[in-house]
Protein backbone atom coordinates (compact mmCIF):
# COMPACT_ATOMS: atom_id res chain seq x y z
CA MET A 1 45.70 71.28 55.63
CA SER A 2 48.16 69.02 57.12
CA PHE A 3 48.37 65.34 56.56
CA GLU A 4 47.21 64.58 60.09
CA ALA A 5 44.38 67.09 59.66
CA SER A 6 43.01 65.13 56.69
CA LYS A 7 43.21 61.73 58.34
CA LEU A 8 41.43 63.29 61.50
CA LYS A 9 38.20 64.67 58.78
CA MET A 10 38.17 61.51 57.36
CA ASN A 11 37.44 59.63 60.61
CA LEU A 12 35.25 62.29 62.02
CA GLN A 13 32.97 62.05 58.45
CA GLU A 14 32.77 58.59 58.88
CA LEU A 15 31.64 58.92 62.31
CA ALA A 16 29.43 61.91 61.80
CA ALA A 17 27.47 59.53 58.87
CA ARG A 18 26.70 57.33 61.70
CA ASN A 19 25.10 60.25 64.21
CA ILE A 20 28.53 60.27 66.24
CA PHE A 21 29.72 64.01 66.34
CA ILE A 22 32.89 64.63 67.85
CA GLY A 23 34.65 68.08 68.39
CA ALA A 24 36.39 70.72 70.39
CA SER A 25 35.17 73.12 73.07
CA SER A 26 35.43 76.77 70.88
CA TRP A 27 37.65 76.95 68.17
CA LYS A 28 39.73 80.22 68.68
CA TYR A 29 43.01 79.11 69.42
CA ARG A 30 46.81 80.01 67.92
CA GLY A 31 47.72 77.25 69.50
CA TRP A 32 46.24 75.15 66.66
CA PHE A 33 48.69 76.36 64.02
CA GLY A 34 50.18 73.88 61.59
CA MET A 35 47.63 70.98 62.95
CA LEU A 36 44.41 72.62 62.16
CA TYR A 37 44.96 76.19 60.97
CA ASP A 38 47.06 77.67 58.14
CA GLU A 39 48.13 81.29 59.88
CA SER A 40 49.08 82.26 56.43
CA ARG A 41 45.33 82.88 55.99
CA TYR A 42 45.26 85.27 58.52
CA ILE A 43 48.26 87.79 57.67
CA PHE A 44 46.70 91.36 56.73
CA ARG A 45 49.30 94.03 55.28
CA GLY A 46 52.11 91.76 56.38
CA ARG A 47 50.78 90.81 60.13
CA PHE A 48 48.93 88.36 61.74
CA SER A 49 45.56 89.77 62.21
CA GLU A 50 44.00 88.39 65.41
CA SER A 51 40.62 89.86 64.70
CA ARG A 52 40.60 88.49 61.31
CA PHE A 53 41.32 85.16 62.52
CA LYS A 54 38.56 85.12 65.11
CA GLU A 55 36.06 85.95 62.76
CA ASN A 56 37.40 83.63 60.02
CA CYS A 57 38.73 80.27 61.56
CA LEU A 58 35.36 78.74 62.27
CA ALA A 59 35.19 77.86 58.51
CA GLU A 60 38.56 76.24 58.63
CA TYR A 61 37.75 74.54 61.76
CA ALA A 62 34.71 73.40 60.13
CA ASP A 63 36.43 72.07 57.07
CA VAL A 64 37.81 68.94 59.33
CA PHE A 65 35.18 68.66 62.15
CA LYS A 66 31.34 68.38 61.90
CA THR A 67 30.27 70.01 65.45
CA VAL A 68 31.49 72.29 68.11
CA CYS A 69 30.54 73.35 71.43
CA VAL A 70 29.81 77.15 71.86
CA ASP A 71 30.34 78.17 75.22
CA ALA A 72 29.71 82.20 74.47
CA ALA A 73 26.05 81.44 74.33
CA TYR A 74 26.36 80.98 78.38
CA TYR A 75 27.11 84.13 78.62
CA LYS A 76 24.60 86.17 76.59
CA PHE A 77 21.27 85.33 75.08
CA PRO A 78 22.53 84.80 70.98
CA ASP A 79 20.54 86.96 68.70
CA HIS A 80 19.91 86.35 65.10
CA ARG A 81 22.91 88.09 63.58
CA TYR A 82 25.26 86.00 65.91
CA LEU A 83 23.66 82.64 65.09
CA GLU A 84 23.52 83.57 61.32
CA ASN A 85 27.31 84.74 60.84
CA MET A 86 28.31 81.19 62.50
CA ILE A 87 25.95 79.22 60.74
CA THR A 88 26.89 80.70 57.14
CA ALA A 89 30.50 79.88 57.93
CA VAL A 90 29.80 76.14 58.17
CA PRO A 91 28.72 72.87 55.72
CA THR A 92 24.95 72.03 56.00
CA ASP A 93 25.41 69.11 57.97
CA PHE A 94 27.72 71.02 60.46
CA GLN A 95 26.28 70.60 64.05
CA PHE A 96 25.98 73.28 67.02
CA ALA A 97 26.09 72.50 70.62
CA PHE A 98 24.90 75.47 72.67
CA LYS A 99 25.24 75.94 76.58
CA VAL A 100 21.95 77.49 77.42
CA THR A 101 22.68 81.05 78.98
CA ASP A 102 23.13 81.11 82.50
CA GLU A 103 20.47 83.70 82.92
CA ILE A 104 18.17 80.16 83.32
CA THR A 105 20.78 78.19 85.34
CA ILE A 106 22.01 80.47 87.84
CA LYS A 107 20.11 80.19 91.23
CA LYS A 108 22.09 83.30 92.64
CA PHE A 109 24.31 85.67 90.45
CA PRO A 110 27.99 85.12 91.78
CA ASP A 111 30.19 87.86 93.16
CA LEU A 112 31.72 88.61 89.76
CA PRO A 113 32.27 91.88 88.15
CA ARG A 114 30.09 90.95 84.91
CA PHE A 115 27.30 90.44 86.79
CA GLY A 116 27.13 93.89 87.96
CA PRO A 117 24.46 94.87 90.84
CA ARG A 118 23.20 91.53 90.74
CA ALA A 119 26.16 90.18 91.80
CA GLY A 120 25.33 87.99 95.17
CA LYS A 121 21.62 88.72 94.40
CA PRO A 122 19.10 86.00 93.67
CA ASN A 123 18.09 85.37 90.13
CA ASP A 124 14.58 86.10 89.48
CA HIS A 125 14.69 84.12 86.38
CA PHE A 126 16.18 80.84 87.17
CA LEU A 127 14.70 78.17 85.62
CA ASP A 128 12.49 80.76 83.81
CA ALA A 129 11.10 78.29 81.04
CA ASP A 130 9.00 81.12 79.30
CA LEU A 131 12.10 83.44 79.13
CA PHE A 132 14.25 80.33 77.81
CA ALA A 133 11.89 79.83 75.03
CA ARG A 134 11.44 83.41 74.02
CA GLN A 135 14.85 84.59 74.45
CA PHE A 136 16.96 81.67 73.67
CA LEU A 137 14.75 79.24 71.52
CA GLY A 138 13.23 82.16 69.70
CA PRO A 139 16.38 83.39 67.88
CA CYS A 140 17.66 79.26 67.33
CA ALA A 141 14.23 78.49 65.55
CA PRO A 142 15.29 79.73 61.85
CA PHE A 143 18.55 77.51 62.13
CA LYS A 144 17.09 74.36 64.47
CA GLN A 145 18.44 71.84 61.51
CA HIS A 146 21.91 72.75 62.66
CA ILE A 147 21.46 72.70 66.53
CA GLY A 148 22.37 69.03 67.74
CA LEU A 149 22.54 69.90 71.35
CA LEU A 150 21.22 72.25 74.12
CA THR A 151 22.83 71.91 77.60
CA PHE A 152 21.89 73.33 80.84
CA ASP A 153 24.53 73.41 82.64
CA PHE A 154 24.21 74.23 86.25
CA SER A 155 27.39 75.38 88.10
CA GLN A 156 28.35 74.10 91.65
CA PHE A 157 25.13 74.50 93.95
CA HIS A 158 25.87 75.54 97.68
CA PRO A 159 24.11 74.24 100.52
CA ALA A 160 22.38 77.81 100.60
CA ASP A 161 20.88 77.02 97.32
CA TYR A 162 20.24 73.69 97.71
CA GLU A 163 20.42 71.92 101.13
CA PHE A 164 19.24 68.62 99.73
CA GLY A 165 19.57 67.45 95.77
CA ARG A 166 15.71 66.42 96.01
CA LEU A 167 14.83 69.74 96.17
CA PHE A 168 16.66 70.67 92.98
CA ILE A 169 15.44 67.59 91.12
CA ALA A 170 11.69 68.87 92.08
CA ASP A 171 12.25 72.44 90.56
CA LEU A 172 14.16 70.88 87.70
CA ASP A 173 11.14 68.61 86.90
CA GLN A 174 8.46 71.49 86.73
CA PHE A 175 10.92 73.56 84.54
CA LEU A 176 11.50 70.49 82.34
CA THR A 177 7.79 69.95 81.90
CA ARG A 178 7.08 73.54 80.52
CA LEU A 179 10.08 73.16 78.05
CA PRO A 180 8.76 73.52 74.43
CA PRO A 181 9.16 69.88 72.62
CA ASP A 182 11.14 68.40 69.61
CA TRP A 183 14.58 70.20 70.92
CA PRO A 184 17.59 68.16 71.81
CA TYR A 185 18.18 69.00 75.30
CA ALA A 186 20.51 67.45 77.83
CA VAL A 187 21.49 68.44 81.35
CA GLU A 188 25.26 68.97 82.90
CA ILE A 189 25.81 69.66 86.85
CA ARG A 190 28.71 69.99 89.13
CA ASN A 191 26.99 68.41 92.38
CA ARG A 192 28.44 65.08 92.64
CA HIS A 193 25.97 64.17 95.52
CA PHE A 194 23.32 64.64 92.97
CA LEU A 195 24.25 61.87 90.40
CA ARG A 196 21.48 59.39 92.29
CA PRO A 197 18.88 57.51 91.06
CA GLY A 198 16.28 60.35 91.27
CA TYR A 199 17.96 62.67 89.15
CA PHE A 200 18.75 59.79 86.21
CA GLN A 201 15.21 58.72 86.47
CA LEU A 202 13.82 62.56 86.23
CA LEU A 203 15.77 62.95 82.92
CA ALA A 204 14.62 59.56 81.57
CA ARG A 205 11.11 60.45 82.20
CA HIS A 206 11.46 63.83 80.14
CA GLY A 207 13.70 61.70 77.71
CA ILE A 208 16.76 64.23 78.53
CA ALA A 209 20.53 63.26 78.02
CA HIS A 210 22.18 63.52 81.28
CA VAL A 211 25.91 64.93 80.07
CA PHE A 212 28.85 62.92 81.49
CA ASN A 213 31.49 66.02 82.19
CA SER A 214 34.75 65.63 83.48
CA TRP A 215 34.99 68.84 85.88
CA ALA A 216 37.31 69.75 88.82
CA GLY A 217 35.05 68.61 91.57
CA MET A 218 33.03 65.94 89.79
CA PRO A 219 33.57 61.95 89.27
CA SER A 220 35.55 60.89 86.42
CA ILE A 221 33.16 60.17 83.17
CA HIS A 222 34.46 56.68 83.43
CA GLU A 223 32.74 56.46 87.30
CA GLN A 224 29.91 58.63 86.02
CA MET A 225 29.14 55.90 82.81
CA ALA A 226 29.09 53.26 85.62
CA LEU A 227 26.32 54.51 87.39
CA ALA A 228 22.91 52.57 86.77
CA GLY A 229 20.74 54.62 84.56
CA SER A 230 23.03 57.23 83.77
CA ARG A 231 22.15 56.66 80.08
CA THR A 232 18.92 58.62 80.41
CA ALA A 233 17.60 59.21 76.99
CA PRO A 234 17.93 56.28 74.36
CA ALA A 235 18.12 58.85 71.21
CA LEU A 236 20.61 61.07 72.48
CA SER A 237 23.81 61.07 74.25
CA ALA A 238 26.56 63.77 75.29
CA ALA A 239 29.79 63.80 76.90
CA ARG A 240 32.12 67.11 77.81
CA PHE A 241 35.78 66.21 78.63
CA LEU A 242 36.53 69.43 80.07
CA LEU A 243 39.05 69.16 83.18
CA ARG A 244 40.92 66.57 85.10
CA PRO A 245 39.10 65.67 88.26
CA GLY A 246 41.21 67.38 90.95
CA ARG A 247 42.48 70.44 89.08
CA LYS A 248 41.08 73.51 89.17
CA TYR A 249 40.33 75.39 85.97
CA ASP A 250 42.85 78.47 86.64
CA ASP A 251 45.76 75.91 86.89
CA SER A 252 44.72 74.07 83.91
CA VAL A 253 45.33 77.47 82.07
CA LYS A 254 48.73 77.96 83.19
CA LEU A 255 49.70 74.38 82.77
CA PHE A 256 48.23 74.14 78.96
CA GLU A 257 48.47 77.39 77.51
CA PRO A 258 48.82 77.98 74.25
CA TYR A 259 47.44 74.51 73.86
CA ASP A 260 50.01 73.44 71.24
CA LYS A 261 50.50 70.16 72.49
CA VAL A 262 49.54 67.42 75.05
CA LYS A 263 51.40 68.02 77.96
CA ASP A 264 49.54 65.52 80.64
CA PRO A 265 48.21 62.69 79.05
CA TYR A 266 45.23 61.63 80.91
CA PRO A 267 44.40 57.83 79.71
CA GLU A 268 41.47 57.16 81.75
CA ALA A 269 39.29 60.14 79.85
CA ARG A 270 40.77 58.59 76.49
CA ALA A 271 39.54 55.25 77.60
CA ALA A 272 36.03 56.74 78.60
CA GLY A 273 35.78 58.36 75.33
CA ALA A 274 36.98 55.47 73.18
CA THR A 275 34.23 53.43 75.29
CA LEU A 276 31.52 56.27 74.31
CA ILE A 277 32.27 56.13 70.60
CA LYS A 278 32.17 52.19 70.41
CA GLU A 279 28.69 52.20 72.50
CA SER A 280 27.48 54.74 69.84
CA ILE A 281 28.46 52.67 67.02
CA ALA A 282 27.00 49.41 68.53
CA ALA A 283 23.75 51.67 69.29
CA GLY A 284 23.16 52.51 65.48
CA PRO A 285 22.25 55.62 63.60
CA LYS A 286 18.92 56.08 65.59
CA ARG A 287 21.08 57.61 68.60
CA ARG A 288 22.97 60.88 68.04
CA THR A 289 26.03 61.30 70.57
CA PHE A 290 28.09 64.28 70.93
CA ILE A 291 31.48 64.59 72.56
CA TYR A 292 33.35 67.41 73.23
CA VAL A 293 36.96 67.96 74.12
CA ASN A 294 38.29 70.94 75.77
CA ASN A 295 41.83 71.95 75.21
CA ARG A 296 42.39 72.05 79.63
CA LEU A 297 41.98 68.86 79.53
CA GLU A 298 45.27 67.32 78.17
CA GLY A 299 46.68 70.44 76.63
CA ASN A 300 45.71 69.93 72.98
CA ALA A 301 42.08 68.99 72.35
CA LEU A 302 42.92 67.74 68.83
CA GLN A 303 45.60 65.19 70.10
CA THR A 304 43.18 64.20 72.54
CA ILE A 305 40.48 63.48 69.99
CA SER A 306 42.78 61.59 67.79
CA ALA A 307 44.02 59.40 70.62
CA MET A 308 40.30 58.54 71.83
CA MET A 309 39.41 57.66 68.53
CA GLU A 310 42.54 55.40 68.10
CA GLU A 311 41.72 53.70 71.21
CA ALA A 312 38.15 53.14 69.47
CA GLY A 313 39.81 51.48 66.77
CA LEU A 314 39.73 54.25 64.45
CA GLU A 315 43.04 54.58 62.48
CA THR A 316 44.29 57.99 63.38
CA VAL A 317 47.87 59.79 63.41
CA GLY A 318 49.11 62.34 65.15
CA THR A 319 48.26 61.58 68.66
CA SER A 320 50.62 62.23 71.90
């Protein structure tokens, strides 16, 4: 482990002891060799093994970080074997955040090849609480102590889906009412005009966190944090720093791959992350906070996280 990773590990452990968990969105990036990962661990018969790296790097990631966001669950319901393989690779105090499978959160299937004959058609399982409980929570139940956050990530709705935000709120209310209790739920939306008092009040009634999210068409996290009532769950806070607002996903990929360094610093996001950290420290351990950073925000999530912690007053090195 590099000196920089050792310092990062120390600070992340200190924060996790206060119930503040900071991590990356996914973890299988070759651009992190020399910063977080030791490439020599994945040499097989004299050559780098991509499959060995993807199968085993979570353990090396979890030696430094205490949490990670698992986007893969968004595309397929998790099964017992998949969850068990991940959880056996991490320490007992490691916390996973899962994006809930899109079978629950898509109202109309996009015209994408992965949806096959369902592309362009309404989703009969949209906001199906019974299916969610059976197909998602069922496999997760044996591993509940390792699950810190379950996020219902709603892609941007079009006027044909919901002409008015209040109609989405009404449907969401019925869905949340039917959810099994005692799970750490959060909601992430991509329609900026839905960020109104009725939405925040709904989440507050159910004790569910609004996920502050940095995304192409959304207000910045700093702006979302300034909205009255946006801290909707006293015991849970969550943020995902994904993209710089105004920048599309594909453009970010082209700009930043292979994610080995920060290429476009975004000071406002770093300041927002630092504010969330300081807020959570002040709130005390009764509030659990989850902050995730994507490589596509600035180019390298590791350096962005270090910069946020440094701005929050924690000693870090290796920032850019």
